[in-house]
Amino acid sequence: MTQLVSSCFCELEENS
């Protein structure tokens, strides 16, 4: 589950 959250954060940070 940690990897899933990390992936979400990665995409969010890239969009920022």
PDB file of N, CA and C in Angstrom:
ATOM      1  N   MET A   1       0.835  -1.205   0.000  1.00  0.00           N
ATOM      2  CA  MET A   1       0.000   0.000   0.000  1.00  0.00           C
ATOM      3  C   MET A   1       0.875   1.262   0.000  1.00  0.00           C
ATOM      4  N   THR A   2       2.052   1.146   0.566  1.00  0.00           N
ATOM      5  CA  THR A   2       2.938   2.320   0.619  1.00  0.00           C
ATOM      6  C   THR A   2       3.353   2.741  -0.785  1.00  0.00           C
ATOM      7  N   GLN A   3       3.568   1.742  -1.646  1.00  0.00           N
ATOM      8  CA  GLN A   3       3.988   2.060  -3.007  1.00  0.00           C
ATOM      9  C   GLN A   3       2.868   2.798  -3.755  1.00  0.00           C
ATOM     10  N   LEU A   4       1.645   2.428  -3.458  1.00  0.00           N
ATOM     11  CA  LEU A   4       0.517   3.066  -4.126  1.00  0.00           C
ATOM     12  C   LEU A   4       0.454   4.546  -3.758  1.00  0.00           C
ATOM     13  N   VAL A   5       0.619   4.823  -2.487  1.00  0.00           N
ATOM     14  CA  VAL A   5       0.587   6.212  -2.013  1.00  0.00           C
ATOM     15  C   VAL A   5       1.760   6.988  -2.597  1.00  0.00           C
ATOM     16  N   SER A   6       2.908   6.352  -2.640  1.00  0.00           N
ATOM     17  CA  SER A   6       4.100   7.010  -3.192  1.00  0.00           C
ATOM     18  C   SER A   6       3.865   7.368  -4.657  1.00  0.00           C
ATOM     19  N   SER A   7       3.250   6.476  -5.384  1.00  0.00           N
ATOM     20  CA  SER A   7       2.976   6.717  -6.801  1.00  0.00           C
ATOM     21  C   SER A   7       2.040   7.919  -6.951  1.00  0.00           C
ATOM     22  N   CYS A   8       1.068   7.987  -6.109  1.00  0.00           N
ATOM     23  CA  CYS A   8       0.115   9.094  -6.156  1.00  0.00           C
ATOM     24  C   CYS A   8       0.846  10.411  -5.889  1.00  0.00           C
ATOM     25  N   PHE A   9       1.682  10.407  -4.867  1.00  0.00           N
ATOM     26  CA  PHE A   9       2.421  11.622  -4.516  1.00  0.00           C
ATOM     27  C   PHE A   9       3.361  12.020  -5.641  1.00  0.00           C
ATOM     28  N   CYS A  10       3.959  11.026  -6.268  1.00  0.00           N
ATOM     29  CA  CYS A  10       4.898  11.289  -7.366  1.00  0.00           C
ATOM     30  C   CYS A  10       4.169  12.009  -8.498  1.00  0.00           C
ATOM     31  N   GLU A  11       3.011  11.538  -8.836  1.00  0.00           N
ATOM     32  CA  GLU A  11       2.251  12.148  -9.925  1.00  0.00           C
ATOM     33  C   GLU A  11       1.780  13.547  -9.534  1.00  0.00           C
ATOM     34  N   LEU A  12       1.426  13.714  -8.285  1.00  0.00           N
ATOM     35  CA  LEU A  12       0.972  15.020  -7.816  1.00  0.00           C
ATOM     36  C   LEU A  12       2.113  16.022  -7.848  1.00  0.00           C
ATOM     37  N   GLU A  13       3.281  15.589  -7.395  1.00  0.00           N
ATOM     38  CA  GLU A  13       4.444  16.484  -7.365  1.00  0.00           C
ATOM     39  C   GLU A  13       4.867  16.851  -8.782  1.00  0.00           C
ATOM     40  N   GLU A  14       4.728  15.919  -9.698  1.00  0.00           N
ATOM     41  CA  GLU A  14       5.131  16.177 -11.084  1.00  0.00           C
ATOM     42  C   GLU A  14       4.167  17.183 -11.727  1.00  0.00           C
ATOM     43  N   ASN A  15       2.928  17.161 -11.290  1.00  0.00           N
ATOM     44  CA  ASN A  15       1.930  18.079 -11.842  1.00  0.00           C
ATOM     45  C   ASN A  15       2.113  19.488 -11.276  1.00  0.00           C
ATOM     46  N   SER A  16       2.625  19.574 -10.091  1.00  0.00           N
ATOM     47  CA  SER A  16       2.808  20.872  -9.437  1.00  0.00           C
ATOM     48  C   SER A  16       3.672  21.796 -10.275  1.00  0.00           C
TER      49      SER A  16
END
